[in-house]
Amino acid sequence: MAKLALLSVSDKDGIVDFAAQLTSRGFKVISTGGTLKAIQDGGVQATAVEDITGFPEMLDGRVKTLHPRVHAGILAKRDNADHMAQLAENHIDPIDLICVNLYPFKETIQKDGVSDAEAIENIDIGGPSMLRAAAKNYRDVTVITDKADYADFLAKFDNGTADEAYRRELAAKVFRQTAAYDALIAKYLTTEEFPEKLTMTYEKVEDMRYGENSHQKAAYYKDPIPEAYSLANAKQLHGKALSYNNTRDADAALRIIADFDEKPTVVALKHMNPCGIGVGDTLLDAWQLAFDADPISIFGGIIA
């Protein structure tokens, strides 16, 4: 029996080729809505989920995959004879691969003038349910939520290393993704100043050369929603990668200078300590005052 792969993505970049590659490797592709249309328009054979469930998509697409024939096919333990007997009794085929990325909630809430109704419609329900089910059953099911993993999975499938250890890595990535997704929704909906649980999420920008000291490891993360006066929003135009201390100092200098808006201002900062702040009629005047405040500590510091 052919392996089953269920593909349902909001970001359709690369999905047609991925579906074609899966088909060439003996997978039968099942899909939903716009993903199904994109795959079929791309000349790849695919089956509608409703042909599997025997139930139509409904409620403007809010309900497509929330069905026992989908979730039983994902969650059944292949080494559990009773599970497999129940699948057979109910004519349900096991699903071997889930490829899902979620409704673009973050992108939606960043639009100018977005309404609550539009934001709420972009809260994915079926996607996280399938992802979490497949990640829970990673011993038997491969789960992919990042298009960057398409080629990696195919390569590992071909050389026989798409094993349980690899599936566990993908499952962990799924739970990080769904946790971050829910944290962002919670932040959007929360009106309390101090809620009973504070859930925050950050996105990795890059690995750093070293941490606060040269023997320490560090990585740079940012809030998924851009903040005003944050270095995370800046684009580096020249020079080598900033160090941990450079990044923290530059971010702090930006936040300090944001408090000055009447005259040209210069902030000098070293190891998270302002060593000079100058306010003058011109930037040159402000620079000289900031420098004169501490001409020694400013060496190797950050200037804003």
C-alpha atoms as a PDB file:
ATOM      1  CA  MET A   1       0.000   0.000   0.000  1.00  0.00           C
ATOM      2  CA  ALA A   2       1.312   3.441  -0.902  1.00  0.00           C
ATOM      3  CA  LYS A   3       2.371   5.744   1.885  1.00  0.00           C
ATOM      4  CA  LEU A   4      -0.021   8.645   2.462  1.00  0.00           C
ATOM      5  CA  ALA A   5       1.150  12.268   2.671  1.00  0.00           C
ATOM      6  CA  LEU A   6      -1.290  15.007   3.687  1.00  0.00           C
ATOM      7  CA  LEU A   7      -0.278  18.465   2.443  1.00  0.00           C
ATOM      8  CA  SER A   8      -2.118  21.598   3.565  1.00  0.00           C
ATOM      9  CA  VAL A   9      -0.184  24.864   3.536  1.00  0.00           C
ATOM     10  CA  SER A  10      -0.809  28.596   3.594  1.00  0.00           C
ATOM     11  CA  ASP A  11       2.619  29.384   2.156  1.00  0.00           C
ATOM     12  CA  LYS A  12       2.552  27.445  -1.111  1.00  0.00           C
ATOM     13  CA  ASP A  13       6.104  28.278  -2.160  1.00  0.00           C
ATOM     14  CA  GLY A  14       7.738  25.016  -3.242  1.00  0.00           C
ATOM     15  CA  ILE A  15       4.724  22.832  -2.424  1.00  0.00           C
ATOM     16  CA  VAL A  16       4.045  21.694  -6.011  1.00  0.00           C
ATOM     17  CA  ASP A  17       7.595  20.452  -6.483  1.00  0.00           C
ATOM     18  CA  PHE A  18       7.537  18.823  -3.036  1.00  0.00           C
ATOM     19  CA  ALA A  19       4.285  17.022  -3.910  1.00  0.00           C
ATOM     20  CA  ALA A  20       5.801  15.875  -7.202  1.00  0.00           C
ATOM     21  CA  GLN A  21       8.913  14.595  -5.436  1.00  0.00           C
ATOM     22  CA  LEU A  22       6.800  12.707  -2.893  1.00  0.00           C
ATOM     23  CA  THR A  23       4.719  11.152  -5.665  1.00  0.00           C
ATOM     24  CA  SER A  24       7.852   9.996  -7.477  1.00  0.00           C
ATOM     25  CA  ARG A  25       8.911   8.262  -4.265  1.00  0.00           C
ATOM     26  CA  GLY A  26       5.703   6.267  -3.962  1.00  0.00           C
ATOM     27  CA  PHE A  27       3.599   8.547  -1.760  1.00  0.00           C
ATOM     28  CA  LYS A  28      -0.069   9.151  -2.453  1.00  0.00           C
ATOM     29  CA  VAL A  29      -0.774  12.845  -1.867  1.00  0.00           C
ATOM     30  CA  ILE A  30      -3.980  14.068  -0.238  1.00  0.00           C
ATOM     31  CA  SER A  31      -4.669  17.744   0.183  1.00  0.00           C
ATOM     32  CA  THR A  32      -7.153  20.515   0.958  1.00  0.00           C
ATOM     33  CA  GLY A  33      -8.601  23.645  -0.628  1.00  0.00           C
ATOM     34  CA  GLY A  34      -6.097  26.003  -2.193  1.00  0.00           C
ATOM     35  CA  THR A  35      -3.209  23.606  -1.667  1.00  0.00           C
ATOM     36  CA  LEU A  36      -5.031  20.879  -3.594  1.00  0.00           C
ATOM     37  CA  LYS A  37      -5.756  23.289  -6.460  1.00  0.00           C
ATOM     38  CA  ALA A  38      -2.129  24.451  -6.596  1.00  0.00           C
ATOM     39  CA  ILE A  39      -0.839  20.873  -6.671  1.00  0.00           C
ATOM     40  CA  GLN A  40      -3.307  19.745  -9.339  1.00  0.00           C
ATOM     41  CA  ASP A  41      -2.738  22.890 -11.423  1.00  0.00           C
ATOM     42  CA  GLY A  42       0.946  22.030 -11.250  1.00  0.00           C
ATOM     43  CA  GLY A  43       0.240  18.713 -12.939  1.00  0.00           C
ATOM     44  CA  VAL A  44       0.645  16.525  -9.853  1.00  0.00           C
ATOM     45  CA  GLN A  45      -1.992  13.960  -8.966  1.00  0.00           C
ATOM     46  CA  ALA A  46      -3.607  14.536  -5.570  1.00  0.00           C
ATOM     47  CA  THR A  47      -6.767  13.437  -3.772  1.00  0.00           C
ATOM     48  CA  ALA A  48      -9.109  15.794  -1.916  1.00  0.00           C
ATOM     49  CA  VAL A  49      -9.337  15.271   1.835  1.00  0.00           C
ATOM     50  CA  GLU A  50     -13.120  15.183   1.545  1.00  0.00           C
ATOM     51  CA  ASP A  51     -12.757  12.068  -0.616  1.00  0.00           C
ATOM     52  CA  ILE A  52     -10.953  10.475   2.318  1.00  0.00           C
ATOM     53  CA  THR A  53     -13.297  11.700   5.051  1.00  0.00           C
ATOM     54  CA  GLY A  54     -16.529  11.410   3.069  1.00  0.00           C
ATOM     55  CA  PHE A  55     -17.438  14.821   4.445  1.00  0.00           C
ATOM     56  CA  PRO A  56     -17.306  18.185   2.626  1.00  0.00           C
ATOM     57  CA  GLU A  57     -15.283  21.192   3.698  1.00  0.00           C
ATOM     58  CA  MET A  58     -17.643  23.525   5.530  1.00  0.00           C
ATOM     59  CA  LEU A  59     -18.019  26.784   7.467  1.00  0.00           C
ATOM     60  CA  ASP A  60     -15.983  28.746   4.904  1.00  0.00           C
ATOM     61  CA  GLY A  61     -13.123  26.259   5.237  1.00  0.00           C
ATOM     62  CA  ARG A  62     -12.999  26.368   9.038  1.00  0.00           C
ATOM     63  CA  VAL A  63     -13.632  22.616   9.078  1.00  0.00           C
ATOM     64  CA  LYS A  64     -11.648  20.510   6.624  1.00  0.00           C
ATOM     65  CA  THR A  65      -9.341  18.086   8.400  1.00  0.00           C
ATOM     66  CA  LEU A  66     -10.970  17.922  11.841  1.00  0.00           C
ATOM     67  CA  HIS A  67     -12.231  14.405  11.272  1.00  0.00           C
ATOM     68  CA  PRO A  68     -11.563  10.943  12.792  1.00  0.00           C
ATOM     69  CA  ARG A  69     -10.415   9.551   9.427  1.00  0.00           C
ATOM     70  CA  VAL A  70      -7.624  12.126   9.412  1.00  0.00           C
ATOM     71  CA  HIS A  71      -6.652  12.120  13.066  1.00  0.00           C
ATOM     72  CA  ALA A  72      -6.973   8.369  13.562  1.00  0.00           C
ATOM     73  CA  GLY A  73      -4.766   7.891  10.512  1.00  0.00           C
ATOM     74  CA  ILE A  74      -2.174  10.184  12.089  1.00  0.00           C
ATOM     75  CA  LEU A  75      -2.340   9.025  15.707  1.00  0.00           C
ATOM     76  CA  ALA A  76      -2.513   5.238  15.342  1.00  0.00           C
ATOM     77  CA  LYS A  77       0.542   3.460  16.737  1.00  0.00           C
ATOM     78  CA  ARG A  78       1.808   1.193  13.997  1.00  0.00           C
ATOM     79  CA  ASP A  79       3.227  -1.349  16.473  1.00  0.00           C
ATOM     80  CA  ASN A  80      -0.052  -1.538  18.410  1.00  0.00           C
ATOM     81  CA  ALA A  81      -2.121  -4.396  16.978  1.00  0.00           C
ATOM     82  CA  ASP A  82      -5.327  -3.074  18.527  1.00  0.00           C
ATOM     83  CA  HIS A  83      -4.817   0.375  16.969  1.00  0.00           C
ATOM     84  CA  MET A  84      -4.203  -1.132  13.550  1.00  0.00           C
ATOM     85  CA  ALA A  85      -7.191  -3.450  13.889  1.00  0.00           C
ATOM     86  CA  GLN A  86      -9.414  -0.448  14.677  1.00  0.00           C
ATOM     87  CA  LEU A  87      -8.131   1.334  11.572  1.00  0.00           C
ATOM     88  CA  ALA A  88      -8.875  -1.721   9.473  1.00  0.00           C
ATOM     89  CA  GLU A  89     -12.319  -2.168  11.015  1.00  0.00           C
ATOM     90  CA  ASN A  90     -13.193   1.423  10.138  1.00  0.00           C
ATOM     91  CA  HIS A  91     -11.516   1.371   6.709  1.00  0.00           C
ATOM     92  CA  ILE A  92      -8.997   4.075   7.691  1.00  0.00           C
ATOM     93  CA  ASP A  93      -5.560   4.223   6.086  1.00  0.00           C
ATOM     94  CA  PRO A  94      -2.586   5.361   8.210  1.00  0.00           C
ATOM     95  CA  ILE A  95      -1.120   8.726   7.230  1.00  0.00           C
ATOM     96  CA  ASP A  96       2.678   8.658   7.104  1.00  0.00           C
ATOM     97  CA  LEU A  97       3.608  12.288   6.461  1.00  0.00           C
ATOM     98  CA  ILE A  98       1.988  15.587   7.411  1.00  0.00           C
ATOM     99  CA  CYS A  99       3.139  18.824   5.776  1.00  0.00           C
ATOM    100  CA  VAL A 100       1.376  21.869   7.190  1.00  0.00           C
ATOM    101  CA  ASN A 101       2.235  25.519   7.678  1.00  0.00           C
ATOM    102  CA  LEU A 102      -0.175  27.778   9.476  1.00  0.00           C
ATOM    103  CA  TYR A 103      -2.455  30.674   8.610  1.00  0.00           C
ATOM    104  CA  PRO A 104      -0.383  33.900   8.539  1.00  0.00           C
ATOM    105  CA  PHE A 105      -1.578  35.331  11.857  1.00  0.00           C
ATOM    106  CA  LYS A 106       1.592  37.346  12.523  1.00  0.00           C
ATOM    107  CA  GLU A 107       1.590  38.896   9.052  1.00  0.00           C
ATOM    108  CA  THR A 108      -2.122  39.680   9.337  1.00  0.00           C
ATOM    109  CA  ILE A 109      -1.933  41.583  12.644  1.00  0.00           C
ATOM    110  CA  GLN A 110       0.931  43.707  11.282  1.00  0.00           C
ATOM    111  CA  LYS A 111      -1.244  45.116   8.486  1.00  0.00           C
ATOM    112  CA  ASP A 112      -2.328  48.715   8.838  1.00  0.00           C
ATOM    113  CA  GLY A 113      -5.934  48.979   9.980  1.00  0.00           C
ATOM    114  CA  VAL A 114      -6.453  45.236  10.417  1.00  0.00           C
ATOM    115  CA  SER A 115      -9.763  44.414  12.124  1.00  0.00           C
ATOM    116  CA  ASP A 116     -10.273  41.953  14.969  1.00  0.00           C
ATOM    117  CA  ALA A 117     -12.480  39.902  12.654  1.00  0.00           C
ATOM    118  CA  GLU A 118      -9.710  39.535  10.073  1.00  0.00           C
ATOM    119  CA  ALA A 119      -7.138  38.687  12.746  1.00  0.00           C
ATOM    120  CA  ILE A 120      -9.386  36.045  14.292  1.00  0.00           C
ATOM    121  CA  GLU A 121     -10.103  34.426  10.914  1.00  0.00           C
ATOM    122  CA  ASN A 122      -6.345  33.954  10.606  1.00  0.00           C
ATOM    123  CA  ILE A 123      -6.145  31.875  13.781  1.00  0.00           C
ATOM    124  CA  ASP A 124      -5.482  28.379  12.451  1.00  0.00           C
ATOM    125  CA  ILE A 125      -7.287  25.481  14.167  1.00  0.00           C
ATOM    126  CA  GLY A 126      -7.009  22.415  11.945  1.00  0.00           C
ATOM    127  CA  GLY A 127      -3.350  23.043  11.118  1.00  0.00           C
ATOM    128  CA  PRO A 128      -2.027  23.042  14.701  1.00  0.00           C
ATOM    129  CA  SER A 129      -4.252  20.048  15.497  1.00  0.00           C
ATOM    130  CA  MET A 130      -2.696  17.971  12.705  1.00  0.00           C
ATOM    131  CA  LEU A 131       0.818  19.183  13.470  1.00  0.00           C
ATOM    132  CA  ARG A 132       0.546  18.355  17.154  1.00  0.00           C
ATOM    133  CA  ALA A 133      -1.029  14.966  16.463  1.00  0.00           C
ATOM    134  CA  ALA A 134       1.739  14.028  14.038  1.00  0.00           C
ATOM    135  CA  ALA A 135       4.441  15.378  16.358  1.00  0.00           C
ATOM    136  CA  LYS A 136       3.006  13.336  19.241  1.00  0.00           C
ATOM    137  CA  ASN A 137       3.204  10.225  17.042  1.00  0.00           C
ATOM    138  CA  TYR A 138       6.644  11.036  15.595  1.00  0.00           C
ATOM    139  CA  ARG A 139       7.773   7.438  16.086  1.00  0.00           C
ATOM    140  CA  ASP A 140       5.575   6.562  13.106  1.00  0.00           C
ATOM    141  CA  VAL A 141       4.784   9.844  11.334  1.00  0.00           C
ATOM    142  CA  THR A 142       7.001  12.456   9.695  1.00  0.00           C
ATOM    143  CA  VAL A 143       5.811  16.017  10.299  1.00  0.00           C
ATOM    144  CA  ILE A 144       7.056  19.034   8.335  1.00  0.00           C
ATOM    145  CA  THR A 145       6.062  22.621   9.066  1.00  0.00           C
ATOM    146  CA  ASP A 146       8.938  24.547   7.464  1.00  0.00           C
ATOM    147  CA  LYS A 147       9.443  24.691   3.704  1.00  0.00           C
ATOM    148  CA  ALA A 148      13.176  24.862   4.386  1.00  0.00           C
ATOM    149  CA  ASP A 149      12.913  21.186   5.405  1.00  0.00           C
ATOM    150  CA  TYR A 150      11.436  19.920   2.118  1.00  0.00           C
ATOM    151  CA  ALA A 151      14.769  19.244   0.431  1.00  0.00           C
ATOM    152  CA  ASP A 152      16.347  17.974   3.649  1.00  0.00           C
ATOM    153  CA  PHE A 153      13.590  15.403   4.147  1.00  0.00           C
ATOM    154  CA  LEU A 154      13.801  14.185   0.547  1.00  0.00           C
ATOM    155  CA  ALA A 155      17.570  13.773   0.806  1.00  0.00           C
ATOM    156  CA  LYS A 156      17.270  11.865   4.061  1.00  0.00           C
ATOM    157  CA  PHE A 157      14.436   9.737   2.668  1.00  0.00           C
ATOM    158  CA  ASP A 158      16.621   8.818  -0.285  1.00  0.00           C
ATOM    159  CA  ASN A 159      19.645   7.857   1.783  1.00  0.00           C
ATOM    160  CA  GLY A 160      17.668   6.103   4.503  1.00  0.00           C
ATOM    161  CA  THR A 161      18.318   8.563   7.344  1.00  0.00           C
ATOM    162  CA  ALA A 162      14.740   9.885   7.718  1.00  0.00           C
ATOM    163  CA  ASP A 163      14.673   7.769  10.863  1.00  0.00           C
ATOM    164  CA  GLU A 164      13.062   8.107  14.285  1.00  0.00           C
ATOM    165  CA  ALA A 165      15.781  10.447  15.556  1.00  0.00           C
ATOM    166  CA  TYR A 166      15.183  12.763  12.592  1.00  0.00           C
ATOM    167  CA  ARG A 167      11.409  12.589  13.046  1.00  0.00           C
ATOM    168  CA  ARG A 168      11.890  13.556  16.692  1.00  0.00           C
ATOM    169  CA  GLU A 169      13.857  16.650  15.619  1.00  0.00           C
ATOM    170  CA  LEU A 170      11.019  17.640  13.278  1.00  0.00           C
ATOM    171  CA  ALA A 171       8.458  16.999  16.048  1.00  0.00           C
ATOM    172  CA  ALA A 172      10.329  19.265  18.459  1.00  0.00           C
ATOM    173  CA  LYS A 173      10.367  21.975  15.777  1.00  0.00           C
ATOM    174  CA  VAL A 174       6.593  21.612  15.436  1.00  0.00           C
ATOM    175  CA  PHE A 175       5.970  22.102  19.151  1.00  0.00           C
ATOM    176  CA  ARG A 176       8.217  25.182  19.149  1.00  0.00           C
ATOM    177  CA  GLN A 177       6.255  26.519  16.176  1.00  0.00           C
ATOM    178  CA  THR A 178       2.800  25.887  17.632  1.00  0.00           C
ATOM    179  CA  ALA A 179       3.849  27.232  21.048  1.00  0.00           C
ATOM    180  CA  ALA A 180       5.132  30.429  19.427  1.00  0.00           C
ATOM    181  CA  TYR A 181       1.987  30.710  17.301  1.00  0.00           C
ATOM    182  CA  ASP A 182      -0.290  30.405  20.337  1.00  0.00           C
ATOM    183  CA  ALA A 183       1.873  32.809  22.367  1.00  0.00           C
ATOM    184  CA  LEU A 184       1.451  35.467  19.679  1.00  0.00           C
ATOM    185  CA  ILE A 185      -2.320  34.945  19.587  1.00  0.00           C
ATOM    186  CA  ALA A 186      -2.482  35.145  23.390  1.00  0.00           C
ATOM    187  CA  LYS A 187      -0.506  38.397  23.323  1.00  0.00           C
ATOM    188  CA  TYR A 188      -2.846  39.873  20.702  1.00  0.00           C
ATOM    189  CA  LEU A 189      -6.009  38.945  22.613  1.00  0.00           C
ATOM    190  CA  THR A 190      -4.791  39.715  26.147  1.00  0.00           C
ATOM    191  CA  THR A 191      -5.918  43.003  27.699  1.00  0.00           C
ATOM    192  CA  GLU A 192      -4.811  42.366  31.307  1.00  0.00           C
ATOM    193  CA  GLU A 193      -1.656  44.145  32.410  1.00  0.00           C
ATOM    194  CA  PHE A 194      -0.500  41.168  34.458  1.00  0.00           C
ATOM    195  CA  PRO A 195      -2.200  37.955  33.240  1.00  0.00           C
ATOM    196  CA  GLU A 196      -2.017  34.738  35.275  1.00  0.00           C
ATOM    197  CA  LYS A 197       0.403  33.267  32.747  1.00  0.00           C
ATOM    198  CA  LEU A 198       2.888  35.325  30.734  1.00  0.00           C
ATOM    199  CA  THR A 199       3.725  33.614  27.449  1.00  0.00           C
ATOM    200  CA  MET A 200       6.367  35.205  25.251  1.00  0.00           C
ATOM    201  CA  THR A 201       8.055  34.083  22.065  1.00  0.00           C
ATOM    202  CA  TYR A 202      11.106  35.195  20.132  1.00  0.00           C
ATOM    203  CA  GLU A 203      12.554  34.447  16.706  1.00  0.00           C
ATOM    204  CA  LYS A 204      16.197  33.662  16.065  1.00  0.00           C
ATOM    205  CA  VAL A 205      18.126  36.278  14.101  1.00  0.00           C
ATOM    206  CA  GLU A 206      21.557  34.632  14.060  1.00  0.00           C
ATOM    207  CA  ASP A 207      24.200  32.749  15.987  1.00  0.00           C
ATOM    208  CA  MET A 208      26.760  35.118  17.473  1.00  0.00           C
ATOM    209  CA  ARG A 209      30.544  34.743  17.361  1.00  0.00           C
ATOM    210  CA  TYR A 210      30.609  34.528  21.164  1.00  0.00           C
ATOM    211  CA  GLY A 211      28.697  35.708  24.220  1.00  0.00           C
ATOM    212  CA  GLU A 212      29.456  38.403  26.795  1.00  0.00           C
ATOM    213  CA  ASN A 213      32.863  36.747  27.210  1.00  0.00           C
ATOM    214  CA  SER A 214      34.838  35.064  24.459  1.00  0.00           C
ATOM    215  CA  HIS A 215      34.439  31.528  25.864  1.00  0.00           C
ATOM    216  CA  GLN A 216      30.617  31.746  25.980  1.00  0.00           C
ATOM    217  CA  LYS A 217      28.119  30.797  23.261  1.00  0.00           C
ATOM    218  CA  ALA A 218      25.275  33.136  22.346  1.00  0.00           C
ATOM    219  CA  ALA A 219      22.481  33.629  19.832  1.00  0.00           C
ATOM    220  CA  TYR A 220      20.447  36.705  18.939  1.00  0.00           C
ATOM    221  CA  TYR A 221      16.631  36.583  19.138  1.00  0.00           C
ATOM    222  CA  LYS A 222      13.993  39.227  18.448  1.00  0.00           C
ATOM    223  CA  ASP A 223      10.348  39.829  19.214  1.00  0.00           C
ATOM    224  CA  PRO A 224       8.261  38.597  16.241  1.00  0.00           C
ATOM    225  CA  ILE A 225       6.389  41.921  16.120  1.00  0.00           C
ATOM    226  CA  PRO A 226       8.831  44.783  15.404  1.00  0.00           C
ATOM    227  CA  GLU A 227       9.344  47.252  18.251  1.00  0.00           C
ATOM    228  CA  ALA A 228      10.147  50.936  17.850  1.00  0.00           C
ATOM    229  CA  TYR A 229      13.790  51.886  18.457  1.00  0.00           C
ATOM    230  CA  SER A 230      15.039  48.308  18.448  1.00  0.00           C
ATOM    231  CA  LEU A 231      18.242  47.194  16.772  1.00  0.00           C
ATOM    232  CA  ALA A 232      16.377  44.041  15.719  1.00  0.00           C
ATOM    233  CA  ASN A 233      14.670  46.133  13.020  1.00  0.00           C
ATOM    234  CA  ALA A 234      17.935  47.488  11.615  1.00  0.00           C
ATOM    235  CA  LYS A 235      19.608  46.339   8.413  1.00  0.00           C
ATOM    236  CA  GLN A 236      23.393  46.078   8.597  1.00  0.00           C
ATOM    237  CA  LEU A 237      24.957  47.748   5.560  1.00  0.00           C
ATOM    238  CA  HIS A 238      28.667  47.149   6.152  1.00  0.00           C
ATOM    239  CA  GLY A 239      31.232  45.471   8.348  1.00  0.00           C
ATOM    240  CA  LYS A 240      31.602  42.173  10.165  1.00  0.00           C
ATOM    241  CA  ALA A 241      28.900  40.645  12.321  1.00  0.00           C
ATOM    242  CA  LEU A 242      28.287  42.481  15.585  1.00  0.00           C
ATOM    243  CA  SER A 243      29.321  40.847  18.829  1.00  0.00           C
ATOM    244  CA  TYR A 244      26.988  40.145  21.755  1.00  0.00           C
ATOM    245  CA  ASN A 245      28.202  43.290  23.557  1.00  0.00           C
ATOM    246  CA  ASN A 246      28.008  45.427  20.398  1.00  0.00           C
ATOM    247  CA  THR A 247      24.415  44.354  19.840  1.00  0.00           C
ATOM    248  CA  ARG A 248      23.263  44.970  23.399  1.00  0.00           C
ATOM    249  CA  ASP A 249      25.053  48.327  23.549  1.00  0.00           C
ATOM    250  CA  ALA A 250      23.694  49.504  20.201  1.00  0.00           C
ATOM    251  CA  ASP A 251      20.157  48.507  21.169  1.00  0.00           C
ATOM    252  CA  ALA A 252      20.456  50.319  24.510  1.00  0.00           C
ATOM    253  CA  ALA A 253      21.913  53.419  22.828  1.00  0.00           C
ATOM    254  CA  LEU A 254      18.948  53.545  20.436  1.00  0.00           C
ATOM    255  CA  ARG A 255      16.468  53.278  23.303  1.00  0.00           C
ATOM    256  CA  ILE A 256      18.236  56.008  25.293  1.00  0.00           C
ATOM    257  CA  ILE A 257      18.451  58.448  22.393  1.00  0.00           C
ATOM    258  CA  ALA A 258      14.729  57.928  21.743  1.00  0.00           C
ATOM    259  CA  ASP A 259      14.092  59.923  24.943  1.00  0.00           C
ATOM    260  CA  PHE A 260      15.632  63.061  23.389  1.00  0.00           C
ATOM    261  CA  ASP A 261      13.681  64.871  20.692  1.00  0.00           C
ATOM    262  CA  GLU A 262      14.278  68.615  21.050  1.00  0.00           C
ATOM    263  CA  LYS A 263      17.903  69.095  19.976  1.00  0.00           C
ATOM    264  CA  PRO A 264      20.627  67.058  18.271  1.00  0.00           C
ATOM    265  CA  THR A 265      21.814  64.441  20.742  1.00  0.00           C
ATOM    266  CA  VAL A 266      24.680  61.952  20.888  1.00  0.00           C
ATOM    267  CA  VAL A 267      24.813  58.962  23.223  1.00  0.00           C
ATOM    268  CA  ALA A 268      28.047  57.087  23.917  1.00  0.00           C
ATOM    269  CA  LEU A 269      27.619  53.676  25.527  1.00  0.00           C
ATOM    270  CA  LYS A 270      30.065  50.975  26.631  1.00  0.00           C
ATOM    271  CA  HIS A 271      29.091  47.620  28.185  1.00  0.00           C
ATOM    272  CA  MET A 272      25.517  48.786  28.841  1.00  0.00           C
ATOM    273  CA  ASN A 273      26.661  51.944  30.674  1.00  0.00           C
ATOM    274  CA  PRO A 274      26.215  55.413  29.160  1.00  0.00           C
ATOM    275  CA  CYS A 275      29.625  57.073  29.379  1.00  0.00           C
ATOM    276  CA  GLY A 276      28.503  60.310  27.769  1.00  0.00           C
ATOM    277  CA  ILE A 277      25.367  62.036  26.557  1.00  0.00           C
ATOM    278  CA  GLY A 278      25.628  65.348  24.758  1.00  0.00           C
ATOM    279  CA  VAL A 279      22.850  67.707  23.661  1.00  0.00           C
ATOM    280  CA  GLY A 280      23.825  70.625  21.432  1.00  0.00           C
ATOM    281  CA  ASP A 281      22.721  72.980  18.721  1.00  0.00           C
ATOM    282  CA  THR A 282      24.436  70.792  16.102  1.00  0.00           C
ATOM    283  CA  LEU A 283      25.427  67.130  15.964  1.00  0.00           C
ATOM    284  CA  LEU A 284      29.075  68.217  16.148  1.00  0.00           C
ATOM    285  CA  ASP A 285      28.408  70.159  19.350  1.00  0.00           C
ATOM    286  CA  ALA A 286      26.492  67.192  20.803  1.00  0.00           C
ATOM    287  CA  TRP A 287      29.313  64.806  19.837  1.00  0.00           C
ATOM    288  CA  GLN A 288      31.973  66.956  21.508  1.00  0.00           C
ATOM    289  CA  LEU A 289      29.983  67.196  24.736  1.00  0.00           C
ATOM    290  CA  ALA A 290      29.392  63.429  24.794  1.00  0.00           C
ATOM    291  CA  PHE A 291      33.089  62.762  24.139  1.00  0.00           C
ATOM    292  CA  ASP A 292      34.273  65.250  26.757  1.00  0.00           C
ATOM    293  CA  ALA A 293      32.068  63.599  29.400  1.00  0.00           C
ATOM    294  CA  ASP A 294      34.424  60.578  29.432  1.00  0.00           C
ATOM    295  CA  PRO A 295      37.050  60.466  26.674  1.00  0.00           C
ATOM    296  CA  ILE A 296      38.533  57.233  28.052  1.00  0.00           C
ATOM    297  CA  SER A 297      35.511  54.946  28.459  1.00  0.00           C
ATOM    298  CA  ILE A 298      34.141  55.899  25.053  1.00  0.00           C
ATOM    299  CA  PHE A 299      36.999  53.943  23.425  1.00  0.00           C
ATOM    300  CA  GLY A 300      35.523  50.907  21.639  1.00  0.00           C
ATOM    301  CA  GLY A 301      32.013  51.989  22.559  1.00  0.00           C
ATOM    302  CA  ILE A 302      28.822  52.512  20.608  1.00  0.00           C
ATOM    303  CA  ILE A 303      27.786  55.953  19.357  1.00  0.00           C
ATOM    304  CA  ALA A 304      24.191  56.887  18.547  1.00  0.00           C
END
